[in-house]
């Protein structure tokens, strides 16, 4: 199997938080170049050049999202996760 060439990404977590929980990457566009970096301050990051500035901005907007907590997933179920008991029907 052929090996890939060198990457333009640096991955070297320096903070304990990044080692335990993983890096929290943020994305931004500068011209036609997409940049990413670790919000926690470690030196992980990289860049990629796109053909147009609009495409780089679109990718940055799509990738730069805050992680969702498990509470948001449970909120999607609405009243089905916790429902008050109904009185028994009169029969």
N, C-alpha and C. Protein backbone atom coordinates (compact mmCIF):
# COMPACT_ATOMS: atom_id res chain seq x y z
N UNK A 1 0.86 -1.17 0.00
CA UNK A 1 0.00 0.00 0.00
C UNK A 1 0.91 1.24 0.00
N UNK A 2 0.63 2.16 -0.87
CA UNK A 2 1.43 3.37 -0.98
C UNK A 2 1.14 4.30 0.19
N UNK A 3 2.18 4.95 0.68
CA UNK A 3 2.02 5.90 1.77
C UNK A 3 1.72 7.26 1.20
N UNK A 4 0.96 8.03 1.94
CA UNK A 4 0.64 9.39 1.51
C UNK A 4 1.84 10.29 1.75
N UNK A 5 1.86 11.39 1.04
CA UNK A 5 2.92 12.37 1.19
C UNK A 5 2.79 13.13 2.49
N UNK A 6 3.69 14.05 2.73
CA UNK A 6 3.65 14.81 3.98
C UNK A 6 2.38 15.63 4.09
N UNK A 7 1.91 15.73 5.30
CA UNK A 7 0.68 16.48 5.57
C UNK A 7 1.02 17.91 5.92
N UNK A 8 0.08 18.81 5.70
CA UNK A 8 0.28 20.20 6.10
C UNK A 8 -0.36 20.46 7.46
N UNK A 9 -0.64 19.39 8.20
CA UNK A 9 -1.25 19.51 9.51
C UNK A 9 -0.23 19.18 10.59
N UNK A 10 -0.20 19.98 11.63
CA UNK A 10 0.66 19.72 12.78
C UNK A 10 -0.23 19.21 13.90
N UNK A 11 0.12 18.07 14.47
CA UNK A 11 -0.66 17.55 15.58
C UNK A 11 0.30 17.19 16.70
N UNK A 12 0.38 18.05 17.68
CA UNK A 12 1.26 17.82 18.82
C UNK A 12 0.63 18.42 20.06
N UNK A 13 -0.39 17.75 20.64
CA UNK A 13 -1.05 18.32 21.81
C UNK A 13 -0.06 18.56 22.95
N UNK A 14 -0.07 19.75 23.50
CA UNK A 14 0.83 20.11 24.58
C UNK A 14 0.11 20.24 25.90
N UNK A 15 -1.18 20.49 25.88
CA UNK A 15 -1.90 20.71 27.13
C UNK A 15 -2.51 19.40 27.62
N UNK A 16 -2.66 19.29 28.92
CA UNK A 16 -3.24 18.09 29.51
C UNK A 16 -4.68 17.91 29.04
N UNK A 17 -5.40 19.01 28.92
CA UNK A 17 -6.80 18.93 28.47
C UNK A 17 -6.89 18.33 27.08
N UNK A 18 -6.00 18.75 26.17
CA UNK A 18 -6.01 18.20 24.81
C UNK A 18 -5.64 16.72 24.82
N UNK A 19 -4.73 16.33 25.70
CA UNK A 19 -4.34 14.92 25.77
C UNK A 19 -5.48 14.05 26.28
N UNK A 20 -6.27 14.57 27.21
CA UNK A 20 -7.35 13.79 27.80
C UNK A 20 -8.62 13.87 26.96
N UNK A 21 -9.03 15.07 26.61
CA UNK A 21 -10.32 15.27 25.92
C UNK A 21 -10.20 15.46 24.42
N UNK A 22 -9.01 15.69 23.92
CA UNK A 22 -8.82 15.97 22.50
C UNK A 22 -8.83 17.47 22.25
N UNK A 23 -8.31 17.84 21.11
CA UNK A 23 -8.24 19.27 20.77
C UNK A 23 -9.62 19.80 20.42
N UNK A 24 -9.85 21.06 20.68
CA UNK A 24 -11.08 21.74 20.29
C UNK A 24 -10.72 22.67 19.14
N UNK A 25 -10.91 22.16 17.93
CA UNK A 25 -10.49 22.90 16.75
C UNK A 25 -11.47 24.01 16.40
N UNK A 26 -10.94 25.15 15.99
CA UNK A 26 -11.70 26.28 15.48
C UNK A 26 -11.25 26.50 14.05
N UNK A 27 -12.14 27.00 13.21
CA UNK A 27 -11.87 27.16 11.79
C UNK A 27 -12.15 28.60 11.38
N UNK A 28 -11.33 29.12 10.48
CA UNK A 28 -11.52 30.46 9.96
C UNK A 28 -10.93 30.55 8.56
N UNK A 29 -11.44 31.48 7.76
CA UNK A 29 -10.96 31.67 6.40
C UNK A 29 -10.28 33.02 6.28
N UNK A 30 -9.17 33.02 5.57
CA UNK A 30 -8.45 34.25 5.27
C UNK A 30 -8.17 34.21 3.78
N UNK A 31 -8.97 34.94 3.02
CA UNK A 31 -8.87 34.85 1.57
C UNK A 31 -9.36 33.49 1.13
N UNK A 32 -8.59 32.82 0.27
CA UNK A 32 -8.96 31.49 -0.22
C UNK A 32 -8.37 30.38 0.64
N UNK A 33 -7.82 30.72 1.80
CA UNK A 33 -7.17 29.74 2.65
C UNK A 33 -7.99 29.48 3.91
N UNK A 34 -8.24 28.22 4.18
CA UNK A 34 -8.92 27.79 5.40
C UNK A 34 -7.85 27.48 6.42
N UNK A 35 -7.97 28.04 7.62
CA UNK A 35 -7.03 27.78 8.72
C UNK A 35 -7.78 27.13 9.86
N UNK A 36 -7.12 26.22 10.58
CA UNK A 36 -7.69 25.66 11.79
C UNK A 36 -6.62 25.62 12.86
N UNK A 37 -7.07 25.76 14.12
CA UNK A 37 -6.19 25.82 15.27
C UNK A 37 -6.93 25.28 16.48
N UNK A 38 -6.18 24.94 17.51
CA UNK A 38 -6.77 24.44 18.75
C UNK A 38 -7.13 25.62 19.64
N UNK A 39 -8.35 25.68 20.06
CA UNK A 39 -8.83 26.77 20.91
C UNK A 39 -8.19 26.69 22.30
N UNK A 40 -7.76 25.51 22.71
CA UNK A 40 -7.19 25.35 24.04
C UNK A 40 -5.74 25.81 24.12
N UNK A 41 -5.12 26.16 23.00
CA UNK A 41 -3.79 26.75 23.03
C UNK A 41 -2.65 25.84 22.67
N UNK A 42 -2.89 24.59 22.32
CA UNK A 42 -1.78 23.74 21.91
C UNK A 42 -1.42 24.07 20.45
N UNK A 43 -0.25 23.64 19.98
CA UNK A 43 0.19 24.04 18.64
C UNK A 43 -0.45 23.26 17.48
N UNK A 44 -1.46 22.45 17.73
CA UNK A 44 -2.10 21.71 16.65
C UNK A 44 -2.83 22.67 15.71
N UNK A 45 -2.78 22.40 14.42
CA UNK A 45 -3.47 23.24 13.46
C UNK A 45 -2.98 22.98 12.06
N UNK A 46 -3.48 23.74 11.13
CA UNK A 46 -3.08 23.58 9.74
C UNK A 46 -3.81 24.54 8.85
N UNK A 47 -3.65 24.34 7.54
CA UNK A 47 -4.33 25.20 6.57
C UNK A 47 -4.53 24.43 5.27
N UNK A 48 -5.49 24.89 4.49
CA UNK A 48 -5.77 24.32 3.18
C UNK A 48 -6.24 25.44 2.28
N UNK A 49 -5.75 25.46 1.06
CA UNK A 49 -6.13 26.50 0.10
C UNK A 49 -7.22 25.97 -0.82
N UNK A 50 -8.25 26.77 -0.99
CA UNK A 50 -9.37 26.43 -1.88
C UNK A 50 -9.29 27.30 -3.14
N UNK A 51 -9.98 26.89 -4.20
CA UNK A 51 -9.93 27.68 -5.45
C UNK A 51 -10.50 29.10 -5.31
N UNK A 52 -11.53 29.25 -4.48
CA UNK A 52 -12.15 30.57 -4.34
C UNK A 52 -12.26 30.96 -2.87
N UNK A 53 -12.36 32.24 -2.63
CA UNK A 53 -12.53 32.76 -1.28
C UNK A 53 -13.87 32.34 -0.69
N UNK A 54 -14.91 32.34 -1.53
CA UNK A 54 -16.25 31.97 -1.07
C UNK A 54 -16.29 30.51 -0.61
N UNK A 55 -15.57 29.64 -1.30
CA UNK A 55 -15.56 28.23 -0.92
C UNK A 55 -14.84 28.04 0.42
N UNK A 56 -13.75 28.77 0.64
CA UNK A 56 -13.04 28.69 1.92
C UNK A 56 -13.92 29.20 3.06
N UNK A 57 -14.63 30.28 2.85
CA UNK A 57 -15.53 30.82 3.87
C UNK A 57 -16.68 29.88 4.16
N UNK A 58 -17.20 29.23 3.12
CA UNK A 58 -18.29 28.27 3.30
C UNK A 58 -17.83 27.08 4.13
N UNK A 59 -16.63 26.58 3.85
CA UNK A 59 -16.11 25.45 4.62
C UNK A 59 -15.84 25.84 6.08
N UNK A 60 -15.30 27.04 6.29
CA UNK A 60 -15.03 27.51 7.65
C UNK A 60 -16.33 27.62 8.44
N UNK A 61 -17.38 28.14 7.82
CA UNK A 61 -18.67 28.28 8.50
C UNK A 61 -19.27 26.91 8.80
N UNK A 62 -19.10 25.95 7.89
CA UNK A 62 -19.66 24.61 8.10
C UNK A 62 -18.91 23.85 9.19
N UNK A 63 -17.60 24.04 9.29
CA UNK A 63 -16.80 23.28 10.24
C UNK A 63 -16.69 23.92 11.61
N UNK A 64 -16.84 25.23 11.71
CA UNK A 64 -16.64 25.93 12.97
C UNK A 64 -17.93 25.93 13.78
N UNK A 65 -18.19 24.82 14.46
CA UNK A 65 -19.40 24.68 15.28
C UNK A 65 -19.00 24.24 16.66
N UNK A 66 -19.74 24.69 17.64
CA UNK A 66 -19.52 24.27 19.01
C UNK A 66 -20.09 22.86 19.19
N UNK A 67 -19.40 22.01 19.94
CA UNK A 67 -19.94 20.68 20.19
C UNK A 67 -21.22 20.76 21.01
N UNK A 68 -22.12 19.85 20.74
CA UNK A 68 -23.40 19.82 21.46
C UNK A 68 -23.28 18.93 22.69
N UNK A 69 -23.99 19.29 23.71
CA UNK A 69 -23.98 18.48 24.92
C UNK A 69 -25.04 17.38 24.80
N UNK A 70 -24.92 16.33 25.61
CA UNK A 70 -25.93 15.27 25.58
C UNK A 70 -27.33 15.77 25.94
N UNK A 71 -27.41 16.87 26.69
CA UNK A 71 -28.72 17.41 27.06
C UNK A 71 -29.50 17.85 25.82
N UNK A 72 -28.83 18.33 24.79
CA UNK A 72 -29.52 18.73 23.57
C UNK A 72 -30.13 17.52 22.87
N UNK A 73 -29.47 16.39 22.93
CA UNK A 73 -30.00 15.18 22.32
C UNK A 73 -31.25 14.74 23.07
N UNK A 74 -31.21 14.79 24.40
CA UNK A 74 -32.37 14.40 25.20
C UNK A 74 -33.53 15.37 25.00
N UNK A 75 -33.22 16.64 24.77
CA UNK A 75 -34.28 17.62 24.55
C UNK A 75 -35.05 17.33 23.26
N UNK A 76 -34.40 16.68 22.31
CA UNK A 76 -35.07 16.35 21.05
C UNK A 76 -36.22 15.37 21.26
N UNK A 77 -36.13 14.56 22.32
CA UNK A 77 -37.19 13.60 22.60
C UNK A 77 -38.41 14.25 23.25
N UNK A 78 -38.25 15.43 23.76
CA UNK A 78 -39.37 16.15 24.35
C UNK A 78 -39.95 15.42 25.54
N UNK A 79 -41.24 15.23 25.51
CA UNK A 79 -41.93 14.61 26.63
C UNK A 79 -41.82 13.11 26.69
N UNK A 80 -41.14 12.47 25.73
CA UNK A 80 -41.08 11.02 25.75
C UNK A 80 -40.02 10.49 26.70
N UNK A 81 -39.06 11.31 27.10
CA UNK A 81 -38.04 10.86 28.03
C UNK A 81 -38.60 10.82 29.44
N UNK A 82 -39.31 11.87 29.82
CA UNK A 82 -39.92 11.92 31.14
C UNK A 82 -41.37 12.36 30.97
N UNK A 83 -42.26 11.51 31.40
CA UNK A 83 -43.68 11.82 31.27
C UNK A 83 -44.34 11.55 32.61
N UNK A 84 -45.16 12.49 33.06
CA UNK A 84 -45.87 12.29 34.31
C UNK A 84 -46.89 11.18 34.14
N UNK A 85 -47.11 10.48 35.24
CA UNK A 85 -48.09 9.38 35.19
C UNK A 85 -49.49 9.94 35.05
N UNK A 86 -50.25 9.27 34.24
CA UNK A 86 -51.67 9.63 34.06
C UNK A 86 -52.51 8.83 35.04
N UNK A 87 -53.58 9.41 35.50
CA UNK A 87 -54.47 8.62 36.37
C UNK A 87 -55.06 7.45 35.55
N UNK A 88 -55.29 6.34 36.21
CA UNK A 88 -55.87 5.20 35.48
C UNK A 88 -57.24 5.52 34.93
N UNK A 89 -57.59 5.03 33.77
CA UNK A 89 -58.92 5.31 33.21
C UNK A 89 -60.02 4.64 34.05
N UNK A 90 -61.14 5.31 34.13
CA UNK A 90 -62.27 4.77 34.88
C UNK A 90 -62.96 3.71 34.03
N UNK A 91 -62.81 2.48 34.44
CA UNK A 91 -63.47 1.41 33.67
C UNK A 91 -64.02 0.35 34.58
